[in-house]
C-alpha atoms as a PDB file:
ATOM      1  CA  MET A   1     -36.683  39.327 -11.155  1.00  0.00           C
ATOM      2  CA  PRO A   2     -33.250  40.419 -12.671  1.00  0.00           C
ATOM      3  CA  GLU A   3     -31.441  38.103 -14.965  1.00  0.00           C
ATOM      4  CA  PHE A   4     -27.863  37.032 -14.678  1.00  0.00           C
ATOM      5  CA  MET A   5     -25.096  35.887 -17.027  1.00  0.00           C
ATOM      6  CA  GLN A   6     -21.807  34.280 -16.774  1.00  0.00           C
ATOM      7  CA  ALA A   7     -18.811  36.631 -17.047  1.00  0.00           C
ATOM      8  CA  VAL A   8     -14.816  36.274 -16.592  1.00  0.00           C
ATOM      9  CA  VAL A   9     -13.819  39.312 -14.294  1.00  0.00           C
ATOM     10  CA  PHE A  10     -10.291  40.394 -13.787  1.00  0.00           C
ATOM     11  CA  HIS A  11      -9.367  41.287 -10.136  1.00  0.00           C
ATOM     12  CA  ALA A  12      -5.312  41.873 -10.176  1.00  0.00           C
ATOM     13  CA  PRO A  13      -2.463  40.358 -12.127  1.00  0.00           C
ATOM     14  CA  TRP A  14      -3.018  36.490 -12.726  1.00  0.00           C
ATOM     15  CA  ASP A  15      -6.215  36.816 -10.724  1.00  0.00           C
ATOM     16  CA  MET A  16      -9.476  36.092 -13.058  1.00  0.00           C
ATOM     17  CA  LYS A  17     -12.442  34.437 -12.007  1.00  0.00           C
ATOM     18  CA  LEU A  18     -15.743  33.319 -13.489  1.00  0.00           C
ATOM     19  CA  GLU A  19     -18.647  35.116 -11.850  1.00  0.00           C
ATOM     20  CA  ARG A  20     -22.306  35.842 -12.165  1.00  0.00           C
ATOM     21  CA  LEU A  21     -23.123  39.275 -13.174  1.00  0.00           C
ATOM     22  CA  PRO A  22     -26.432  41.048 -14.206  1.00  0.00           C
ATOM     23  CA  LYS A  23     -27.408  40.363 -17.818  1.00  0.00           C
ATOM     24  CA  PRO A  24     -27.208  43.609 -19.562  1.00  0.00           C
ATOM     25  CA  GLU A  25     -30.457  45.204 -21.153  1.00  0.00           C
ATOM     26  CA  ALA A  26     -30.629  47.063 -24.627  1.00  0.00           C
ATOM     27  CA  ALA A  27     -31.109  50.559 -23.768  1.00  0.00           C
ATOM     28  CA  PRO A  28     -32.550  53.067 -26.357  1.00  0.00           C
ATOM     29  CA  GLY A  29     -30.087  53.021 -29.441  1.00  0.00           C
ATOM     30  CA  GLU A  30     -28.632  49.773 -28.521  1.00  0.00           C
ATOM     31  CA  VAL A  31     -28.683  45.957 -29.401  1.00  0.00           C
ATOM     32  CA  LEU A  32     -28.128  43.084 -27.152  1.00  0.00           C
ATOM     33  CA  VAL A  33     -25.613  40.640 -28.532  1.00  0.00           C
ATOM     34  CA  LYS A  34     -25.189  37.153 -27.562  1.00  0.00           C
ATOM     35  CA  MET A  35     -21.785  36.245 -27.753  1.00  0.00           C
ATOM     36  CA  ASN A  36     -20.853  33.296 -30.149  1.00  0.00           C
ATOM     37  CA  ALA A  37     -16.827  33.680 -30.136  1.00  0.00           C
ATOM     38  CA  VAL A  38     -14.341  35.970 -28.238  1.00  0.00           C
ATOM     39  CA  GLY A  39     -10.770  36.087 -29.177  1.00  0.00           C
ATOM     40  CA  ILE A  40      -8.284  36.145 -26.649  1.00  0.00           C
ATOM     41  CA  CYS A  41      -5.644  38.900 -27.795  1.00  0.00           C
ATOM     42  CA  GLY A  42      -2.033  39.384 -26.650  1.00  0.00           C
ATOM     43  CA  SER A  43      -2.993  42.515 -25.270  1.00  0.00           C
ATOM     44  CA  ASP A  44      -5.337  40.836 -22.910  1.00  0.00           C
ATOM     45  CA  VAL A  45      -2.676  38.384 -21.821  1.00  0.00           C
ATOM     46  CA  HIS A  46      -0.252  41.457 -21.141  1.00  0.00           C
ATOM     47  CA  GLY A  47      -3.085  43.132 -19.352  1.00  0.00           C
ATOM     48  CA  PHE A  48      -3.895  39.912 -17.469  1.00  0.00           C
ATOM     49  CA  THR A  49      -0.164  39.627 -15.987  1.00  0.00           C
ATOM     50  CA  GLY A  50       0.075  43.419 -15.380  1.00  0.00           C
ATOM     51  CA  GLU A  51       3.016  43.807 -17.883  1.00  0.00           C
ATOM     52  CA  SER A  52       1.182  46.655 -19.884  1.00  0.00           C
ATOM     53  CA  GLY A  53      -0.831  48.031 -17.119  1.00  0.00           C
ATOM     54  CA  ARG A  54      -3.561  48.788 -19.429  1.00  0.00           C
ATOM     55  CA  ARG A  55      -6.393  46.685 -17.608  1.00  0.00           C
ATOM     56  CA  ALA A  56      -8.106  47.613 -14.379  1.00  0.00           C
ATOM     57  CA  PRO A  57      -9.209  45.467 -11.539  1.00  0.00           C
ATOM     58  CA  GLY A  58     -12.927  44.679 -11.615  1.00  0.00           C
ATOM     59  CA  MET A  59     -13.163  44.969 -15.319  1.00  0.00           C
ATOM     60  CA  VAL A  60     -14.424  42.381 -18.113  1.00  0.00           C
ATOM     61  CA  MET A  61     -11.949  41.796 -20.800  1.00  0.00           C
ATOM     62  CA  GLY A  62     -12.677  40.929 -24.119  1.00  0.00           C
ATOM     63  CA  HIS A  63     -12.545  43.199 -27.627  1.00  0.00           C
ATOM     64  CA  GLU A  64     -12.275  40.704 -30.331  1.00  0.00           C
ATOM     65  CA  ALA A  65     -16.032  39.247 -30.452  1.00  0.00           C
ATOM     66  CA  ALA A  66     -18.705  38.205 -32.916  1.00  0.00           C
ATOM     67  CA  GLY A  67     -22.468  37.082 -31.936  1.00  0.00           C
ATOM     68  CA  GLU A  68     -26.235  37.221 -32.527  1.00  0.00           C
ATOM     69  CA  VAL A  69     -28.431  39.985 -32.155  1.00  0.00           C
ATOM     70  CA  VAL A  70     -31.123  38.934 -29.559  1.00  0.00           C
ATOM     71  CA  ALA A  71     -32.693  42.262 -28.497  1.00  0.00           C
ATOM     72  CA  ARG A  72     -33.433  45.749 -29.955  1.00  0.00           C
ATOM     73  CA  GLY A  73     -33.599  48.857 -27.780  1.00  0.00           C
ATOM     74  CA  GLU A  74     -35.868  51.756 -28.495  1.00  0.00           C
ATOM     75  CA  GLY A  75     -35.301  53.325 -31.804  1.00  0.00           C
ATOM     76  CA  VAL A  76     -33.166  50.727 -33.265  1.00  0.00           C
ATOM     77  CA  ARG A  77     -34.144  49.604 -36.818  1.00  0.00           C
ATOM     78  CA  SER A  78     -31.050  47.485 -37.596  1.00  0.00           C
ATOM     79  CA  PRO A  79     -29.390  45.360 -37.389  1.00  0.00           C
ATOM     80  CA  ALA A  80     -32.163  42.809 -37.076  1.00  0.00           C
ATOM     81  CA  ILE A  81     -32.877  40.231 -34.433  1.00  0.00           C
ATOM     82  CA  GLY A  82     -31.018  37.047 -35.588  1.00  0.00           C
ATOM     83  CA  ASP A  83     -28.316  38.908 -37.739  1.00  0.00           C
ATOM     84  CA  PRO A  84     -24.759  37.744 -36.914  1.00  0.00           C
ATOM     85  CA  VAL A  85     -22.603  40.753 -36.219  1.00  0.00           C
ATOM     86  CA  THR A  86     -19.009  41.554 -35.231  1.00  0.00           C
ATOM     87  CA  ILE A  87     -18.315  44.116 -32.691  1.00  0.00           C
ATOM     88  CA  TYR A  88     -16.812  47.516 -33.535  1.00  0.00           C
ATOM     89  CA  ASN A  89     -15.296  47.917 -30.043  1.00  0.00           C
ATOM     90  CA  ILE A  90     -15.008  52.030 -29.906  1.00  0.00           C
ATOM     91  CA  ILE A  91     -17.874  53.478 -28.700  1.00  0.00           C
ATOM     92  CA  ALA A  92     -16.780  57.020 -28.064  1.00  0.00           C
ATOM     93  CA  HIS A  93     -13.805  59.060 -28.880  1.00  0.00           C
ATOM     94  CA  ALA A  94     -13.462  60.329 -25.474  1.00  0.00           C
ATOM     95  CA  PRO A  95     -12.176  58.742 -22.031  1.00  0.00           C
ATOM     96  CA  PRO A  96     -14.770  57.075 -19.972  1.00  0.00           C
ATOM     97  CA  ASP A  97     -15.973  58.647 -16.520  1.00  0.00           C
ATOM     98  CA  PRO A  98     -14.351  57.037 -13.711  1.00  0.00           C
ATOM     99  CA  ASP A  99     -17.613  55.361 -12.711  1.00  0.00           C
ATOM    100  CA  GLU A 100     -17.884  53.517 -15.925  1.00  0.00           C
ATOM    101  CA  GLY A 101     -14.205  52.627 -16.513  1.00  0.00           C
ATOM    102  CA  ASP A 102     -10.424  53.452 -16.472  1.00  0.00           C
ATOM    103  CA  PRO A 103      -9.897  57.058 -17.836  1.00  0.00           C
ATOM    104  CA  SER A 104      -6.252  57.403 -17.292  1.00  0.00           C
ATOM    105  CA  PHE A 105      -4.520  55.664 -20.305  1.00  0.00           C
ATOM    106  CA  LEU A 106      -6.747  55.978 -23.297  1.00  0.00           C
ATOM    107  CA  ASN A 107      -8.790  58.868 -24.829  1.00  0.00           C
ATOM    108  CA  LYS A 108     -11.474  56.469 -26.277  1.00  0.00           C
ATOM    109  CA  LYS A 109     -14.222  54.300 -24.497  1.00  0.00           C
ATOM    110  CA  MET A 110     -13.191  50.962 -25.736  1.00  0.00           C
ATOM    111  CA  ILE A 111     -15.169  47.687 -25.002  1.00  0.00           C
ATOM    112  CA  GLY A 112     -13.020  45.350 -23.008  1.00  0.00           C
ATOM    113  CA  VAL A 113     -10.119  47.708 -22.768  1.00  0.00           C
ATOM    114  CA  ASN A 114     -11.216  50.436 -20.363  1.00  0.00           C
ATOM    115  CA  LEU A 115     -15.134  50.200 -19.712  1.00  0.00           C
ATOM    116  CA  ALA A 116     -15.212  48.182 -16.575  1.00  0.00           C
ATOM    117  CA  LYS A 117     -18.126  45.542 -16.834  1.00  0.00           C
ATOM    118  CA  ARG A 118     -18.406  46.112 -20.370  1.00  0.00           C
ATOM    119  CA  GLY A 119     -16.479  43.296 -22.072  1.00  0.00           C
ATOM    120  CA  ALA A 120     -16.953  40.558 -24.345  1.00  0.00           C
ATOM    121  CA  MET A 121     -15.615  37.647 -22.002  1.00  0.00           C
ATOM    122  CA  ALA A 122     -19.229  37.197 -20.957  1.00  0.00           C
ATOM    123  CA  GLU A 123     -22.357  35.396 -22.299  1.00  0.00           C
ATOM    124  CA  PHE A 124     -24.012  38.863 -23.403  1.00  0.00           C
ATOM    125  CA  LEU A 125     -22.994  42.299 -24.404  1.00  0.00           C
ATOM    126  CA  ALA A 126     -24.988  45.451 -25.065  1.00  0.00           C
ATOM    127  CA  VAL A 127     -23.690  47.679 -27.604  1.00  0.00           C
ATOM    128  CA  PRO A 128     -24.648  50.774 -29.434  1.00  0.00           C
ATOM    129  CA  ALA A 129     -26.474  49.345 -32.492  1.00  0.00           C
ATOM    130  CA  GLU A 130     -24.017  51.122 -35.223  1.00  0.00           C
ATOM    131  CA  ASN A 131     -21.232  49.071 -33.264  1.00  0.00           C
ATOM    132  CA  ALA A 132     -22.662  45.849 -34.228  1.00  0.00           C
ATOM    133  CA  ILE A 133     -21.607  45.262 -37.821  1.00  0.00           C
ATOM    134  CA  PRO A 134     -23.252  42.857 -39.772  1.00  0.00           C
ATOM    135  CA  LEU A 135     -21.056  39.891 -40.999  1.00  0.00           C
ATOM    136  CA  PRO A 136     -21.018  38.829 -44.669  1.00  0.00           C
ATOM    137  CA  SER A 137     -22.610  35.802 -45.582  1.00  0.00           C
ATOM    138  CA  GLY A 138     -20.749  32.593 -44.934  1.00  0.00           C
ATOM    139  CA  ILE A 139     -18.389  34.266 -42.358  1.00  0.00           C
ATOM    140  CA  PRO A 140     -18.748  32.218 -39.279  1.00  0.00           C
ATOM    141  CA  PRO A 141     -18.118  34.136 -35.635  1.00  0.00           C
ATOM    142  CA  GLU A 142     -14.687  32.887 -35.144  1.00  0.00           C
ATOM    143  CA  ILE A 143     -13.611  34.590 -38.366  1.00  0.00           C
ATOM    144  CA  GLY A 144     -15.667  37.419 -37.723  1.00  0.00           C
ATOM    145  CA  LEU A 145     -13.955  38.537 -34.838  1.00  0.00           C
ATOM    146  CA  LEU A 146     -10.617  38.776 -36.567  1.00  0.00           C
ATOM    147  CA  ALA A 147     -11.839  42.077 -38.305  1.00  0.00           C
ATOM    148  CA  GLU A 148     -10.662  43.829 -35.028  1.00  0.00           C
ATOM    149  CA  PRO A 149      -6.897  42.665 -35.553  1.00  0.00           C
ATOM    150  CA  LEU A 150      -7.201  43.255 -39.505  1.00  0.00           C
ATOM    151  CA  ALA A 151      -8.717  46.590 -38.715  1.00  0.00           C
ATOM    152  CA  VAL A 152      -5.539  47.640 -36.792  1.00  0.00           C
ATOM    153  CA  VAL A 153      -3.480  46.875 -39.676  1.00  0.00           C
ATOM    154  CA  THR A 154      -5.567  48.645 -42.196  1.00  0.00           C
ATOM    155  CA  ARG A 155      -5.354  51.844 -39.906  1.00  0.00           C
ATOM    156  CA  GLY A 156      -1.411  51.350 -40.221  1.00  0.00           C
ATOM    157  CA  TRP A 157      -1.493  51.108 -43.893  1.00  0.00           C
ATOM    158  CA  ARG A 158      -3.527  54.265 -44.073  1.00  0.00           C
ATOM    159  CA  ARG A 159      -1.134  56.348 -42.098  1.00  0.00           C
ATOM    160  CA  LEU A 160       1.388  55.129 -44.457  1.00  0.00           C
ATOM    161  CA  GLU A 161      -0.481  56.120 -47.400  1.00  0.00           C
ATOM    162  CA  ARG A 162      -1.333  59.561 -45.953  1.00  0.00           C
ATOM    163  CA  LEU A 163       2.446  60.305 -45.627  1.00  0.00           C
ATOM    164  CA  GLY A 164       2.831  59.086 -49.287  1.00  0.00           C
ATOM    165  CA  VAL A 165       4.602  55.901 -48.212  1.00  0.00           C
ATOM    166  CA  HIS A 166       4.177  53.179 -50.768  1.00  0.00           C
ATOM    167  CA  PRO A 167       7.129  50.601 -50.171  1.00  0.00           C
ATOM    168  CA  ALA A 168       8.553  47.901 -52.413  1.00  0.00           C
ATOM    169  CA  ARG A 169      10.540  46.416 -49.826  1.00  0.00           C
ATOM    170  CA  LEU A 170       8.969  45.348 -46.373  1.00  0.00           C
ATOM    171  CA  ALA A 171      10.100  43.817 -43.174  1.00  0.00           C
ATOM    172  CA  ILE A 172       7.510  42.962 -40.488  1.00  0.00           C
ATOM    173  CA  VAL A 173       9.149  41.991 -36.814  1.00  0.00           C
ATOM    174  CA  GLY A 174       6.670  39.611 -34.950  1.00  0.00           C
ATOM    175  CA  ALA A 175       4.715  36.591 -36.485  1.00  0.00           C
ATOM    176  CA  GLY A 176       1.875  36.973 -34.128  1.00  0.00           C
ATOM    177  CA  THR A 177      -1.648  38.012 -35.090  1.00  0.00           C
ATOM    178  CA  ILE A 178      -1.076  41.543 -36.198  1.00  0.00           C
ATOM    179  CA  GLY A 179       2.141  40.555 -38.069  1.00  0.00           C
ATOM    180  CA  LEU A 180       0.381  37.882 -40.019  1.00  0.00           C
ATOM    181  CA  ALA A 181      -2.417  40.102 -40.776  1.00  0.00           C
ATOM    182  CA  ALA A 182      -0.019  42.668 -41.942  1.00  0.00           C
ATOM    183  CA  VAL A 183       1.508  40.154 -44.455  1.00  0.00           C
ATOM    184  CA  LEU A 184      -2.089  39.515 -45.816  1.00  0.00           C
ATOM    185  CA  MET A 185      -2.499  43.011 -46.086  1.00  0.00           C
ATOM    186  CA  ALA A 186       0.827  43.564 -47.913  1.00  0.00           C
ATOM    187  CA  ARG A 187      -0.102  40.811 -50.096  1.00  0.00           C
ATOM    188  CA  ALA A 188      -3.486  42.138 -51.037  1.00  0.00           C
ATOM    189  CA  ARG A 189      -1.241  45.212 -52.115  1.00  0.00           C
ATOM    190  CA  GLU A 190       0.650  43.204 -54.363  1.00  0.00           C
ATOM    191  CA  LEU A 191       3.785  43.629 -52.433  1.00  0.00           C
ATOM    192  CA  SER A 192       6.083  40.666 -53.353  1.00  0.00           C
ATOM    193  CA  ARG A 193       9.306  41.667 -51.447  1.00  0.00           C
ATOM    194  CA  THR A 194       8.151  41.046 -47.828  1.00  0.00           C
ATOM    195  CA  VAL A 195      10.213  39.080 -44.912  1.00  0.00           C
ATOM    196  CA  VAL A 196       8.867  38.610 -41.308  1.00  0.00           C
ATOM    197  CA  LEU A 197      11.113  38.025 -38.159  1.00  0.00           C
ATOM    198  CA  ASP A 198      10.292  36.374 -35.177  1.00  0.00           C
ATOM    199  CA  THR A 199      12.514  34.562 -32.493  1.00  0.00           C
ATOM    200  CA  VAL A 200      10.115  31.437 -32.677  1.00  0.00           C
ATOM    201  CA  ALA A 201      11.255  29.693 -35.997  1.00  0.00           C
ATOM    202  CA  GLU A 202       7.568  27.940 -36.400  1.00  0.00           C
ATOM    203  CA  LYS A 203       5.905  31.543 -35.948  1.00  0.00           C
ATOM    204  CA  ALA A 204       8.361  33.032 -38.565  1.00  0.00           C
ATOM    205  CA  GLY A 205       7.552  30.227 -40.881  1.00  0.00           C
ATOM    206  CA  ARG A 206       3.896  30.863 -41.116  1.00  0.00           C
ATOM    207  CA  ALA A 207       4.704  33.819 -43.074  1.00  0.00           C
ATOM    208  CA  ALA A 208       6.027  31.620 -45.649  1.00  0.00           C
ATOM    209  CA  GLU A 209       2.721  30.286 -46.115  1.00  0.00           C
ATOM    210  CA  PHE A 210       1.145  33.732 -47.075  1.00  0.00           C
ATOM    211  CA  GLY A 211       4.001  34.444 -49.480  1.00  0.00           C
ATOM    212  CA  ALA A 212       6.457  36.177 -47.246  1.00  0.00           C
ATOM    213  CA  ARG A 213      10.030  35.263 -46.717  1.00  0.00           C
ATOM    214  CA  ALA A 214      10.753  33.775 -42.999  1.00  0.00           C
ATOM    215  CA  VAL A 215      13.626  35.037 -41.079  1.00  0.00           C
ATOM    216  CA  PRO A 216      13.981  33.104 -37.550  1.00  0.00           C
ATOM    217  CA  VAL A 217      15.734  35.553 -35.154  1.00  0.00           C
ATOM    218  CA  ALA A 218      18.410  34.389 -32.599  1.00  0.00           C
ATOM    219  CA  SER A 219      16.992  35.057 -29.035  1.00  0.00           C
ATOM    220  CA  SER A 220      20.564  36.602 -28.055  1.00  0.00           C
ATOM    221  CA  GLY A 221      19.906  39.324 -30.532  1.00  0.00           C
ATOM    222  CA  ASP A 222      22.459  40.304 -33.491  1.00  0.00           C
ATOM    223  CA  PRO A 223      20.603  43.271 -34.850  1.00  0.00           C
ATOM    224  CA  ALA A 224      23.479  43.795 -37.534  1.00  0.00           C
ATOM    225  CA  GLY A 225      23.476  40.030 -38.548  1.00  0.00           C
ATOM    226  CA  GLU A 226      19.691  40.299 -39.009  1.00  0.00           C
ATOM    227  CA  ALA A 227      20.039  43.574 -41.048  1.00  0.00           C
ATOM    228  CA  ARG A 228      22.556  41.937 -43.468  1.00  0.00           C
ATOM    229  CA  LYS A 229      20.044  38.728 -43.788  1.00  0.00           C
ATOM    230  CA  VAL A 230      16.942  40.947 -44.682  1.00  0.00           C
ATOM    231  CA  GLU A 231      19.101  43.297 -46.982  1.00  0.00           C
ATOM    232  CA  SER A 232      20.312  39.993 -48.954  1.00  0.00           C
ATOM    233  CA  LEU A 233      16.701  38.662 -49.161  1.00  0.00           C
ATOM    234  CA  LEU A 234      15.120  41.789 -50.003  1.00  0.00           C
ATOM    235  CA  ALA A 235      17.745  43.050 -52.581  1.00  0.00           C
ATOM    236  CA  GLY A 236      18.032  45.947 -50.586  1.00  0.00           C
ATOM    237  CA  ARG A 237      17.249  47.711 -47.021  1.00  0.00           C
ATOM    238  CA  PRO A 238      13.324  47.557 -46.343  1.00  0.00           C
ATOM    239  CA  GLU A 239      11.894  51.032 -46.800  1.00  0.00           C
ATOM    240  CA  VAL A 240       9.132  50.124 -44.223  1.00  0.00           C
ATOM    241  CA  VAL A 241       9.497  48.158 -41.208  1.00  0.00           C
ATOM    242  CA  ILE A 242       6.510  47.150 -38.979  1.00  0.00           C
ATOM    243  CA  ASP A 243       7.082  46.597 -35.221  1.00  0.00           C
ATOM    244  CA  ALA A 244       4.168  44.392 -34.324  1.00  0.00           C
ATOM    245  CA  VAL A 245       5.595  43.374 -31.129  1.00  0.00           C
ATOM    246  CA  GLY A 246       6.469  46.579 -29.227  1.00  0.00           C
ATOM    247  CA  THR A 247       9.449  45.745 -26.798  1.00  0.00           C
ATOM    248  CA  ARG A 248      12.877  47.280 -26.536  1.00  0.00           C
ATOM    249  CA  GLU A 249      14.433  44.596 -28.343  1.00  0.00           C
ATOM    250  CA  SER A 250      11.898  44.598 -31.245  1.00  0.00           C
ATOM    251  CA  PHE A 251      12.202  48.315 -31.531  1.00  0.00           C
ATOM    252  CA  SER A 252      16.071  48.178 -31.746  1.00  0.00           C
ATOM    253  CA  LEU A 253      15.671  45.434 -34.339  1.00  0.00           C
ATOM    254  CA  CYS A 254      13.324  47.427 -36.307  1.00  0.00           C
ATOM    255  CA  LEU A 255      15.646  50.718 -36.288  1.00  0.00           C
ATOM    256  CA  SER A 256      18.671  48.437 -37.428  1.00  0.00           C
ATOM    257  CA  LEU A 257      16.547  47.106 -40.444  1.00  0.00           C
ATOM    258  CA  VAL A 258      15.292  49.864 -41.880  1.00  0.00           C
ATOM    259  CA  GLU A 259      16.980  51.880 -44.920  1.00  0.00           C
ATOM    260  CA  ALA A 260      18.145  55.620 -44.620  1.00  0.00           C
ATOM    261  CA  GLY A 261      15.115  57.719 -45.128  1.00  0.00           C
ATOM    262  CA  GLY A 262      12.709  54.726 -44.300  1.00  0.00           C
ATOM    263  CA  THR A 263       9.781  54.500 -42.127  1.00  0.00           C
ATOM    264  CA  LEU A 264       9.110  52.672 -38.782  1.00  0.00           C
ATOM    265  CA  LEU A 265       5.523  51.802 -38.365  1.00  0.00           C
ATOM    266  CA  LEU A 266       5.029  51.304 -34.652  1.00  0.00           C
ATOM    267  CA  ILE A 267       1.943  49.171 -33.949  1.00  0.00           C
ATOM    268  CA  GLY A 268       3.084  46.925 -30.822  1.00  0.00           C
ATOM    269  CA  ASN A 269       3.214  48.913 -27.660  1.00  0.00           C
ATOM    270  CA  LEU A 270       3.948  46.281 -25.012  1.00  0.00           C
ATOM    271  CA  ALA A 271       6.866  48.389 -23.667  1.00  0.00           C
ATOM    272  CA  LYS A 272       6.133  51.800 -22.070  1.00  0.00           C
ATOM    273  CA  GLU A 273       9.293  53.074 -23.119  1.00  0.00           C
ATOM    274  CA  VAL A 274      12.136  52.204 -25.489  1.00  0.00           C
ATOM    275  CA  SER A 275      15.527  53.673 -25.880  1.00  0.00           C
ATOM    276  CA  LEU A 276      15.887  55.810 -29.158  1.00  0.00           C
ATOM    277  CA  PRO A 277      19.577  56.195 -30.460  1.00  0.00           C
ATOM    278  CA  LEU A 278      18.706  59.657 -31.375  1.00  0.00           C
ATOM    279  CA  GLN A 279      21.731  60.752 -33.524  1.00  0.00           C
ATOM    280  CA  ASP A 280      21.347  57.464 -35.595  1.00  0.00           C
ATOM    281  CA  ALA A 281      17.735  58.270 -36.159  1.00  0.00           C
ATOM    282  CA  VAL A 282      18.122  61.790 -37.040  1.00  0.00           C
ATOM    283  CA  SER A 283      21.322  61.092 -39.374  1.00  0.00           C
ATOM    284  CA  ASN A 284      19.356  58.548 -41.200  1.00  0.00           C
ATOM    285  CA  GLU A 285      16.270  60.530 -41.453  1.00  0.00           C
ATOM    286  CA  VAL A 286      14.070  57.804 -40.197  1.00  0.00           C
ATOM    287  CA  CYS A 287      10.481  58.610 -39.813  1.00  0.00           C
ATOM    288  CA  LEU A 288       8.581  57.005 -37.001  1.00  0.00           C
ATOM    289  CA  VAL A 289       4.944  56.521 -37.357  1.00  0.00           C
ATOM    290  CA  GLY A 290       2.796  55.362 -34.390  1.00  0.00           C
ATOM    291  CA  THR A 291      -0.633  53.978 -34.997  1.00  0.00           C
ATOM    292  CA  TYR A 292      -3.101  52.747 -32.463  1.00  0.00           C
ATOM    293  CA  GLY A 293      -6.591  51.178 -32.907  1.00  0.00           C
ATOM    294  CA  PHE A 294      -8.661  52.048 -36.044  1.00  0.00           C
ATOM    295  CA  ASP A 295     -12.087  54.238 -36.781  1.00  0.00           C
ATOM    296  CA  ARG A 296     -15.043  52.981 -38.332  1.00  0.00           C
ATOM    297  CA  SER A 297     -13.969  53.164 -41.913  1.00  0.00           C
ATOM    298  CA  ASP A 298     -10.897  50.951 -41.315  1.00  0.00           C
ATOM    299  CA  PHE A 299     -13.179  48.405 -39.571  1.00  0.00           C
ATOM    300  CA  ALA A 300     -15.498  48.450 -42.450  1.00  0.00           C
ATOM    301  CA  LYS A 301     -12.738  47.793 -44.809  1.00  0.00           C
ATOM    302  CA  ALA A 302     -11.598  44.941 -42.433  1.00  0.00           C
ATOM    303  CA  VAL A 303     -14.970  43.355 -42.459  1.00  0.00           C
ATOM    304  CA  ALA A 304     -15.526  43.637 -46.075  1.00  0.00           C
ATOM    305  CA  ILE A 305     -11.885  41.808 -46.861  1.00  0.00           C
ATOM    306  CA  LEU A 306     -13.039  38.818 -44.614  1.00  0.00           C
ATOM    307  CA  PRO A 307     -14.493  36.694 -47.470  1.00  0.00           C
ATOM    308  CA  ASP A 308     -11.239  36.928 -49.733  1.00  0.00           C
ATOM    309  CA  ILE A 309      -9.047  35.673 -46.765  1.00  0.00           C
ATOM    310  CA  LYS A 310     -11.152  33.490 -44.701  1.00  0.00           C
ATOM    311  CA  SER A 311      -9.191  30.301 -45.433  1.00  0.00           C
ATOM    312  CA  GLU A 312      -6.096  32.070 -44.362  1.00  0.00           C
ATOM    313  CA  LEU A 313      -7.538  33.354 -41.178  1.00  0.00           C
ATOM    314  CA  ALA A 314      -9.061  30.072 -40.285  1.00  0.00           C
ATOM    315  CA  THR A 315      -5.121  28.955 -39.941  1.00  0.00           C
ATOM    316  CA  PHE A 316      -4.688  31.478 -37.051  1.00  0.00           C
ATOM    317  CA  ILE A 317      -7.131  29.665 -34.743  1.00  0.00           C
ATOM    318  CA  GLU A 318      -5.163  27.131 -32.974  1.00  0.00           C
ATOM    319  CA  GLY A 319      -6.892  26.869 -29.568  1.00  0.00           C
ATOM    320  CA  ARG A 320     -10.647  27.004 -28.109  1.00  0.00           C
ATOM    321  CA  CYS A 321     -12.118  27.080 -24.907  1.00  0.00           C
ATOM    322  CA  ARG A 322     -15.476  27.592 -23.057  1.00  0.00           C
ATOM    323  CA  LEU A 323     -15.969  30.632 -20.670  1.00  0.00           C
ATOM    324  CA  ASN A 324     -15.437  28.930 -17.542  1.00  0.00           C
ATOM    325  CA  GLU A 325     -12.115  27.443 -18.796  1.00  0.00           C
ATOM    326  CA  THR A 326     -10.777  31.148 -19.644  1.00  0.00           C
ATOM    327  CA  PRO A 327      -8.616  31.802 -16.700  1.00  0.00           C
ATOM    328  CA  ARG A 328      -7.002  28.536 -16.707  1.00  0.00           C
ATOM    329  CA  VAL A 329      -5.985  29.190 -20.399  1.00  0.00           C
ATOM    330  CA  MET A 330      -5.185  32.632 -19.970  1.00  0.00           C
ATOM    331  CA  THR A 331      -2.783  31.587 -17.138  1.00  0.00           C
ATOM    332  CA  SER A 332      -1.444  29.030 -19.695  1.00  0.00           C
ATOM    333  CA  LEU A 333      -0.795  31.552 -22.451  1.00  0.00           C
ATOM    334  CA  ALA A 334       0.749  33.905 -20.066  1.00  0.00           C
ATOM    335  CA  ARG A 335       3.213  31.150 -18.781  1.00  0.00           C
ATOM    336  CA  GLY A 336       3.977  30.524 -22.245  1.00  0.00           C
ATOM    337  CA  GLU A 337       2.721  26.920 -21.800  1.00  0.00           C
ATOM    338  CA  SER A 338       0.493  27.517 -24.842  1.00  0.00           C
ATOM    339  CA  GLN A 339       1.806  28.833 -28.181  1.00  0.00           C
ATOM    340  CA  ALA A 340      -1.605  29.146 -30.068  1.00  0.00           C
ATOM    341  CA  LEU A 341      -1.635  31.940 -32.425  1.00  0.00           C
ATOM    342  CA  LYS A 342      -4.986  32.883 -31.528  1.00  0.00           C
ATOM    343  CA  THR A 343      -7.406  31.232 -28.998  1.00  0.00           C
ATOM    344  CA  VAL A 344     -11.086  31.647 -29.281  1.00  0.00           C
ATOM    345  CA  ILE A 345     -13.621  31.578 -26.354  1.00  0.00           C
ATOM    346  CA  THR A 346     -16.743  29.524 -27.600  1.00  0.00           C
ATOM    347  CA  PHE A 347     -20.170  29.534 -26.367  1.00  0.00           C
END
């Protein structure tokens, strides 16, 4: 008799339901992971509302995940059954076939992003064995899942370093999970002159706990005024500005902040299009660097740093829910009724 599991299925914007799906089996070369903690990412929320367009009806979301190996397919030697693991969610650098996911927007197969029923907001998930990365000793699942957003930032820093960019002054726009992860990575690089801007003063204030300077931004928007504040705090314009939001407004603010000859690192990508004042960008010789996702080496570096910053990462987690509560909690996050920095689904 087939076995079943509970999973949350996305049907349309603002429409998710807890459903009974067949429990996956570990195919040759795969392991079956029992989920212990799954993060609700901002991109999940924007996919849920339809705002980003990057989630397809009928799919199971969830790409920040940690759990325990409970079965191994043929040929698998490691990880061992019982090992706690975090999930490296890129399983192929090729778009999925239409029958396995949505190939329209991403040239990668990513668990919980474009792979139909293969998402982590479920009781079990089967993944290639090499995608189940053992967690360091003493790292609980809800900290382990944060390797995913950390890897996004690790990738961004590597993009800068490849270009020979080593800033002394840094500004980060957005104090969400990615923005604060960027603060922690800047601190690890001993960058002492860092500011973080956010329209929510409480969120910007979090950055001060990690050693950055907080700059609350007026929602009405005064890019020139914000630029003067940042220049004063840093004793100069930032050489690198990280857009951790990805809206028209955040991109415009970033461009107003960066010094001539500086670099914008674009991580957030909520907006499909932004307005680029081309003459300003060209005249000021501003370099635009886009970064998306990460590779295995970035993810491995993120996992390795978890023990050093686990106490800081623990402060990210402000909300918890059970799997059956996920549709309600997702709706609350989308409506702005919940301001939790990171909400974790527990099992």
